[in-house]
């Protein structure tokens, strides 16, 4: 007769494969965040000063907006 141990939890015990997957996910997320900031920076840089003023920004605000535009 086979016994199945159901008292162990799997929370936090990823093993090697799980840790590699978590590392890959973290790296992918970092690339996505970087690309979003790059795209935002490029889109805002393409606007004229008048268009930036219409949305309440100036050229000096672009980098700050691009970094904080992560959707949180």
PDB file of N, CA and C in Angstrom:
ATOM      1  N   UNK A   1       0.839  -1.163   0.000  1.00  0.00           N
ATOM      2  CA  UNK A   1       0.000   0.000   0.000  1.00  0.00           C
ATOM      3  C   UNK A   1       0.895   1.241   0.000  1.00  0.00           C
ATOM      4  N   UNK A   2       0.547   2.222  -0.821  1.00  0.00           N
ATOM      5  CA  UNK A   2       1.325   3.451  -0.930  1.00  0.00           C
ATOM      6  C   UNK A   2       0.747   4.515  -0.011  1.00  0.00           C
ATOM      7  N   UNK A   3       1.622   5.304   0.538  1.00  0.00           N
ATOM      8  CA  UNK A   3       1.183   6.392   1.414  1.00  0.00           C
ATOM      9  C   UNK A   3       1.551   7.720   0.769  1.00  0.00           C
ATOM     10  N   UNK A   4       0.690   8.682   0.912  1.00  0.00           N
ATOM     11  CA  UNK A   4       0.922  10.007   0.355  1.00  0.00           C
ATOM     12  C   UNK A   4       0.980  11.004   1.501  1.00  0.00           C
ATOM     13  N   UNK A   5       2.093  11.694   1.616  1.00  0.00           N
ATOM     14  CA  UNK A   5       2.273  12.673   2.681  1.00  0.00           C
ATOM     15  C   UNK A   5       1.670  13.998   2.242  1.00  0.00           C
ATOM     16  N   UNK A   6       0.603  14.413   2.879  1.00  0.00           N
ATOM     17  CA  UNK A   6      -0.071  15.658   2.507  1.00  0.00           C
ATOM     18  C   UNK A   6       0.151  16.763   3.527  1.00  0.00           C
ATOM     19  N   UNK A   7       1.068  16.578   4.449  1.00  0.00           N
ATOM     20  CA  UNK A   7       1.287  17.586   5.482  1.00  0.00           C
ATOM     21  C   UNK A   7       2.340  18.611   5.093  1.00  0.00           C
ATOM     22  N   UNK A   8       3.072  18.369   4.047  1.00  0.00           N
ATOM     23  CA  UNK A   8       4.102  19.312   3.624  1.00  0.00           C
ATOM     24  C   UNK A   8       3.495  20.410   2.767  1.00  0.00           C
ATOM     25  N   UNK A   9       3.998  21.598   2.971  1.00  0.00           N
ATOM     26  CA  UNK A   9       3.560  22.701   2.119  1.00  0.00           C
ATOM     27  C   UNK A   9       4.617  22.932   1.055  1.00  0.00           C
ATOM     28  N   UNK A  10       4.199  23.388  -0.074  1.00  0.00           N
ATOM     29  CA  UNK A  10       5.151  23.673  -1.145  1.00  0.00           C
ATOM     30  C   UNK A  10       5.463  25.154  -1.227  1.00  0.00           C
ATOM     31  N   UNK A  11       4.854  25.961  -0.370  1.00  0.00           N
ATOM     32  CA  UNK A  11       5.105  27.393  -0.394  1.00  0.00           C
ATOM     33  C   UNK A  11       6.548  27.673   0.001  1.00  0.00           C
ATOM     34  N   UNK A  12       7.272  28.355  -0.858  1.00  0.00           N
ATOM     35  CA  UNK A  12       8.638  28.742  -0.557  1.00  0.00           C
ATOM     36  C   UNK A  12       9.680  27.691  -0.873  1.00  0.00           C
ATOM     37  N   UNK A  13       9.279  26.531  -1.324  1.00  0.00           N
ATOM     38  CA  UNK A  13      10.261  25.497  -1.650  1.00  0.00           C
ATOM     39  C   UNK A  13      10.258  25.269  -3.156  1.00  0.00           C
ATOM     40  N   UNK A  14      10.874  26.189  -3.854  1.00  0.00           N
ATOM     41  CA  UNK A  14      10.855  26.163  -5.308  1.00  0.00           C
ATOM     42  C   UNK A  14      11.789  25.123  -5.904  1.00  0.00           C
ATOM     43  N   UNK A  15      12.886  24.880  -5.281  1.00  0.00           N
ATOM     44  CA  UNK A  15      13.878  24.008  -5.874  1.00  0.00           C
ATOM     45  C   UNK A  15      14.667  24.763  -6.930  1.00  0.00           C
ATOM     46  N   UNK A  16      15.579  24.082  -7.551  1.00  0.00           N
ATOM     47  CA  UNK A  16      16.458  24.713  -8.528  1.00  0.00           C
ATOM     48  C   UNK A  16      15.694  25.230  -9.741  1.00  0.00           C
ATOM     49  N   UNK A  17      14.799  24.441 -10.276  1.00  0.00           N
ATOM     50  CA  UNK A  17      14.051  24.847 -11.471  1.00  0.00           C
ATOM     51  C   UNK A  17      13.185  26.073 -11.168  1.00  0.00           C
ATOM     52  N   UNK A  18      12.555  26.094 -10.015  1.00  0.00           N
ATOM     53  CA  UNK A  18      11.732  27.238  -9.638  1.00  0.00           C
ATOM     54  C   UNK A  18      12.546  28.503  -9.462  1.00  0.00           C
ATOM     55  N   UNK A  19      13.734  28.369  -8.895  1.00  0.00           N
ATOM     56  CA  UNK A  19      14.596  29.543  -8.717  1.00  0.00           C
ATOM     57  C   UNK A  19      15.100  30.071 -10.051  1.00  0.00           C
ATOM     58  N   UNK A  20      15.404  29.172 -10.976  1.00  0.00           N
ATOM     59  CA  UNK A  20      15.823  29.605 -12.312  1.00  0.00           C
ATOM     60  C   UNK A  20      14.661  30.310 -13.007  1.00  0.00           C
ATOM     61  N   UNK A  21      13.462  29.779 -12.853  1.00  0.00           N
ATOM     62  CA  UNK A  21      12.280  30.417 -13.431  1.00  0.00           C
ATOM     63  C   UNK A  21      12.030  31.786 -12.832  1.00  0.00           C
ATOM     64  N   UNK A  22      12.207  31.913 -11.516  1.00  0.00           N
ATOM     65  CA  UNK A  22      12.019  33.202 -10.850  1.00  0.00           C
ATOM     66  C   UNK A  22      13.063  34.213 -11.327  1.00  0.00           C
ATOM     67  N   UNK A  23      14.287  33.759 -11.530  1.00  0.00           N
ATOM     68  CA  UNK A  23      15.340  34.637 -12.039  1.00  0.00           C
ATOM     69  C   UNK A  23      15.008  35.107 -13.451  1.00  0.00           C
ATOM     70  N   UNK A  24      14.545  34.194 -14.282  1.00  0.00           N
ATOM     71  CA  UNK A  24      14.155  34.543 -15.648  1.00  0.00           C
ATOM     72  C   UNK A  24      12.998  35.540 -15.641  1.00  0.00           C
ATOM     73  N   UNK A  25      12.025  35.323 -14.767  1.00  0.00           N
ATOM     74  CA  UNK A  25      10.881  36.231 -14.666  1.00  0.00           C
ATOM     75  C   UNK A  25      11.326  37.616 -14.209  1.00  0.00           C
ATOM     76  N   UNK A  26      12.206  37.679 -13.232  1.00  0.00           N
ATOM     77  CA  UNK A  26      12.700  38.969 -12.743  1.00  0.00           C
ATOM     78  C   UNK A  26      13.471  39.706 -13.836  1.00  0.00           C
ATOM     79  N   UNK A  27      14.284  38.985 -14.587  1.00  0.00           N
ATOM     80  CA  UNK A  27      15.045  39.609 -15.672  1.00  0.00           C
ATOM     81  C   UNK A  27      14.104  40.107 -16.769  1.00  0.00           C
ATOM     82  N   UNK A  28      13.102  39.315 -17.092  1.00  0.00           N
ATOM     83  CA  UNK A  28      12.129  39.721 -18.107  1.00  0.00           C
ATOM     84  C   UNK A  28      11.372  40.962 -17.659  1.00  0.00           C
ATOM     85  N   UNK A  29      10.961  40.995 -16.398  1.00  0.00           N
ATOM     86  CA  UNK A  29      10.247  42.160 -15.877  1.00  0.00           C
ATOM     87  C   UNK A  29      11.123  43.410 -15.913  1.00  0.00           C
ATOM     88  N   UNK A  30      12.403  43.266 -15.619  1.00  0.00           N
ATOM     89  CA  UNK A  30      13.313  44.409 -15.658  1.00  0.00           C
ATOM     90  C   UNK A  30      13.429  44.960 -17.077  1.00  0.00           C
ATOM     91  N   UNK A  31      13.477  44.080 -18.058  1.00  0.00           N
ATOM     92  CA  UNK A  31      13.553  44.515 -19.457  1.00  0.00           C
ATOM     93  C   UNK A  31      12.257  45.213 -19.867  1.00  0.00           C
ATOM     94  N   UNK A  32      11.127  44.693 -19.427  1.00  0.00           N
ATOM     95  CA  UNK A  32       9.833  45.304 -19.757  1.00  0.00           C
ATOM     96  C   UNK A  32       9.732  46.705 -19.155  1.00  0.00           C
ATOM     97  N   UNK A  33      10.135  46.860 -17.903  1.00  0.00           N
ATOM     98  CA  UNK A  33      10.094  48.176 -17.247  1.00  0.00           C
ATOM     99  C   UNK A  33      11.025  49.151 -17.958  1.00  0.00           C
ATOM    100  N   UNK A  34      12.225  48.694 -18.305  1.00  0.00           N
ATOM    101  CA  UNK A  34      13.173  49.549 -19.019  1.00  0.00           C
ATOM    102  C   UNK A  34      12.601  49.975 -20.372  1.00  0.00           C
ATOM    103  N   UNK A  35      11.998  49.032 -21.091  1.00  0.00           N
ATOM    104  CA  UNK A  35      11.458  49.347 -22.412  1.00  0.00           C
ATOM    105  C   UNK A  35      10.271  50.309 -22.311  1.00  0.00           C
ATOM    106  N   UNK A  36       9.426  50.136 -21.308  1.00  0.00           N
ATOM    107  CA  UNK A  36       8.307  51.062 -21.117  1.00  0.00           C
ATOM    108  C   UNK A  36       8.807  52.477 -20.854  1.00  0.00           C
ATOM    109  N   UNK A  37       9.828  52.606 -20.018  1.00  0.00           N
ATOM    110  CA  UNK A  37      10.393  53.926 -19.730  1.00  0.00           C
ATOM    111  C   UNK A  37      11.017  54.527 -20.985  1.00  0.00           C
ATOM    112  N   UNK A  38      11.689  53.709 -21.768  1.00  0.00           N
ATOM    113  CA  UNK A  38      12.302  54.176 -23.017  1.00  0.00           C
ATOM    114  C   UNK A  38      11.242  54.661 -23.993  1.00  0.00           C
ATOM    115  N   UNK A  39      10.171  53.888 -24.145  1.00  0.00           N
ATOM    116  CA  UNK A  39       9.104  54.266 -25.073  1.00  0.00           C
ATOM    117  C   UNK A  39       8.405  55.550 -24.617  1.00  0.00           C
ATOM    118  N   UNK A  40       8.173  55.668 -23.313  1.00  0.00           N
ATOM    119  CA  UNK A  40       7.549  56.882 -22.777  1.00  0.00           C
ATOM    120  C   UNK A  40       8.443  58.089 -23.008  1.00  0.00           C
ATOM    121  N   UNK A  41       9.733  57.923 -22.726  1.00  0.00           N
ATOM    122  CA  UNK A  41      10.692  59.014 -22.923  1.00  0.00           C
ATOM    123  C   UNK A  41      10.731  59.447 -24.391  1.00  0.00           C
ATOM    124  N   UNK A  42      10.746  58.486 -25.300  1.00  0.00           N
ATOM    125  CA  UNK A  42      10.787  58.813 -26.729  1.00  0.00           C
ATOM    126  C   UNK A  42       9.505  59.501 -27.188  1.00  0.00           C
ATOM    127  N   UNK A  43       8.361  59.018 -26.711  1.00  0.00           N
ATOM    128  CA  UNK A  43       7.087  59.616 -27.117  1.00  0.00           C
ATOM    129  C   UNK A  43       6.977  61.050 -26.611  1.00  0.00           C
ATOM    130  N   UNK A  44       7.374  61.282 -25.370  1.00  0.00           N
ATOM    131  CA  UNK A  44       7.305  62.638 -24.826  1.00  0.00           C
ATOM    132  C   UNK A  44       8.331  63.558 -25.483  1.00  0.00           C
ATOM    133  N   UNK A  45       9.471  63.023 -25.846  1.00  0.00           N
ATOM    134  CA  UNK A  45      10.500  63.836 -26.494  1.00  0.00           C
ATOM    135  C   UNK A  45      10.071  64.283 -27.886  1.00  0.00           C
ATOM    136  N   UNK A  46       9.195  63.518 -28.513  1.00  0.00           N
ATOM    137  CA  UNK A  46       8.714  63.876 -29.847  1.00  0.00           C
ATOM    138  C   UNK A  46       7.687  65.004 -29.823  1.00  0.00           C
ATOM    139  N   UNK A  47       7.127  65.304 -28.653  1.00  0.00           N
ATOM    140  CA  UNK A  47       6.133  66.371 -28.557  1.00  0.00           C
ATOM    141  C   UNK A  47       6.805  67.741 -28.604  1.00  0.00           C
ATOM    142  N   UNK A  48       6.064  68.712 -29.087  1.00  0.00           N
ATOM    143  CA  UNK A  48       6.579  70.085 -29.093  1.00  0.00           C
ATOM    144  C   UNK A  48       6.450  70.667 -27.689  1.00  0.00           C
ATOM    145  N   UNK A  49       7.118  71.791 -27.467  1.00  0.00           N
ATOM    146  CA  UNK A  49       7.016  72.456 -26.167  1.00  0.00           C
ATOM    147  C   UNK A  49       5.575  72.852 -25.865  1.00  0.00           C
ATOM    148  N   UNK A  50       4.864  73.262 -26.881  1.00  0.00           N
ATOM    149  CA  UNK A  50       3.457  73.651 -26.712  1.00  0.00           C
ATOM    150  C   UNK A  50       2.610  72.449 -26.288  1.00  0.00           C
ATOM    151  N   UNK A  51       2.827  71.303 -26.915  1.00  0.00           N
ATOM    152  CA  UNK A  51       2.075  70.096 -26.560  1.00  0.00           C
ATOM    153  C   UNK A  51       2.411  69.633 -25.143  1.00  0.00           C
ATOM    154  N   UNK A  52       3.673  69.733 -24.780  1.00  0.00           N
ATOM    155  CA  UNK A  52       4.061  69.386 -23.412  1.00  0.00           C
ATOM    156  C   UNK A  52       3.399  70.323 -22.406  1.00  0.00           C
ATOM    157  N   UNK A  53       3.344  71.603 -22.744  1.00  0.00           N
ATOM    158  CA  UNK A  53       2.704  72.574 -21.862  1.00  0.00           C
ATOM    159  C   UNK A  53       1.214  72.264 -21.708  1.00  0.00           C
ATOM    160  N   UNK A  54       0.586  71.806 -22.775  1.00  0.00           N
ATOM    161  CA  UNK A  54      -0.837  71.464 -22.723  1.00  0.00           C
ATOM    162  C   UNK A  54      -1.125  70.332 -21.732  1.00  0.00           C
ATOM    163  N   UNK A  55      -0.184  69.430 -21.572  1.00  0.00           N
ATOM    164  CA  UNK A  55      -0.399  68.323 -20.626  1.00  0.00           C
ATOM    165  C   UNK A  55       0.291  68.574 -19.286  1.00  0.00           C
ATOM    166  N   UNK A  56       0.784  69.791 -19.108  1.00  0.00           N
ATOM    167  CA  UNK A  56       1.338  70.182 -17.820  1.00  0.00           C
ATOM    168  C   UNK A  56       2.759  69.726 -17.569  1.00  0.00           C
ATOM    169  N   UNK A  57       3.528  69.543 -18.630  1.00  0.00           N
ATOM    170  CA  UNK A  57       4.915  69.105 -18.488  1.00  0.00           C
ATOM    171  C   UNK A  57       5.857  70.073 -19.176  1.00  0.00           C
ATOM    172  N   UNK A  58       7.116  69.974 -18.814  1.00  0.00           N
ATOM    173  CA  UNK A  58       8.171  70.691 -19.522  1.00  0.00           C
ATOM    174  C   UNK A  58       9.229  69.667 -19.923  1.00  0.00           C
ATOM    175  N   UNK A  59      10.176  70.089 -20.720  1.00  0.00           N
ATOM    176  CA  UNK A  59      11.229  69.163 -21.176  1.00  0.00           C
ATOM    177  C   UNK A  59      11.983  68.543 -19.997  1.00  0.00           C
ATOM    178  N   UNK A  60      12.159  69.309 -18.941  1.00  0.00           N
ATOM    179  CA  UNK A  60      12.908  68.792 -17.793  1.00  0.00           C
ATOM    180  C   UNK A  60      12.127  67.736 -17.010  1.00  0.00           C
ATOM    181  N   UNK A  61      10.828  67.628 -17.239  1.00  0.00           N
ATOM    182  CA  UNK A  61      10.004  66.634 -16.543  1.00  0.00           C
ATOM    183  C   UNK A  61      10.018  65.265 -17.216  1.00  0.00           C
ATOM    184  N   UNK A  62      10.505  65.179 -18.430  1.00  0.00           N
ATOM    185  CA  UNK A  62      10.370  63.952 -19.221  1.00  0.00           C
ATOM    186  C   UNK A  62      11.033  62.754 -18.549  1.00  0.00           C
ATOM    187  N   UNK A  63      12.263  62.897 -18.095  1.00  0.00           N
ATOM    188  CA  UNK A  63      12.943  61.752 -17.472  1.00  0.00           C
ATOM    189  C   UNK A  63      12.227  61.287 -16.210  1.00  0.00           C
ATOM    190  N   UNK A  64      11.764  62.217 -15.412  1.00  0.00           N
ATOM    191  CA  UNK A  64      11.053  61.851 -14.189  1.00  0.00           C
ATOM    192  C   UNK A  64       9.749  61.132 -14.467  1.00  0.00           C
ATOM    193  N   UNK A  65       9.034  61.589 -15.478  1.00  0.00           N
ATOM    194  CA  UNK A  65       7.769  60.951 -15.842  1.00  0.00           C
ATOM    195  C   UNK A  65       8.028  59.562 -16.412  1.00  0.00           C
ATOM    196  N   UNK A  66       9.054  59.428 -17.220  1.00  0.00           N
ATOM    197  CA  UNK A  66       9.354  58.139 -17.843  1.00  0.00           C
ATOM    198  C   UNK A  66       9.721  57.091 -16.794  1.00  0.00           C
ATOM    199  N   UNK A  67      10.438  57.490 -15.777  1.00  0.00           N
ATOM    200  CA  UNK A  67      10.863  56.541 -14.743  1.00  0.00           C
ATOM    201  C   UNK A  67       9.695  56.143 -13.850  1.00  0.00           C
ATOM    202  N   UNK A  68       8.795  57.077 -13.563  1.00  0.00           N
ATOM    203  CA  UNK A  68       7.697  56.788 -12.640  1.00  0.00           C
ATOM    204  C   UNK A  68       6.428  56.313 -13.332  1.00  0.00           C
ATOM    205  N   UNK A  69       6.457  56.089 -14.630  1.00  0.00           N
ATOM    206  CA  UNK A  69       5.247  55.682 -15.348  1.00  0.00           C
ATOM    207  C   UNK A  69       5.131  54.163 -15.432  1.00  0.00           C
ATOM    208  N   UNK A  70       5.264  53.496 -14.327  1.00  0.00           N
ATOM    209  CA  UNK A  70       5.206  52.033 -14.315  1.00  0.00           C
ATOM    210  C   UNK A  70       3.806  51.499 -14.097  1.00  0.00           C
ATOM    211  N   UNK A  71       2.850  52.363 -13.864  1.00  0.00           N
ATOM    212  CA  UNK A  71       1.480  51.920 -13.706  1.00  0.00           C
ATOM    213  C   UNK A  71       1.114  51.483 -12.304  1.00  0.00           C
ATOM    214  N   UNK A  72       1.905  51.869 -11.308  1.00  0.00           N
ATOM    215  CA  UNK A  72       1.591  51.470  -9.936  1.00  0.00           C
ATOM    216  C   UNK A  72       0.625  52.429  -9.323  1.00  0.00           C
TER     217      UNK A  72
END
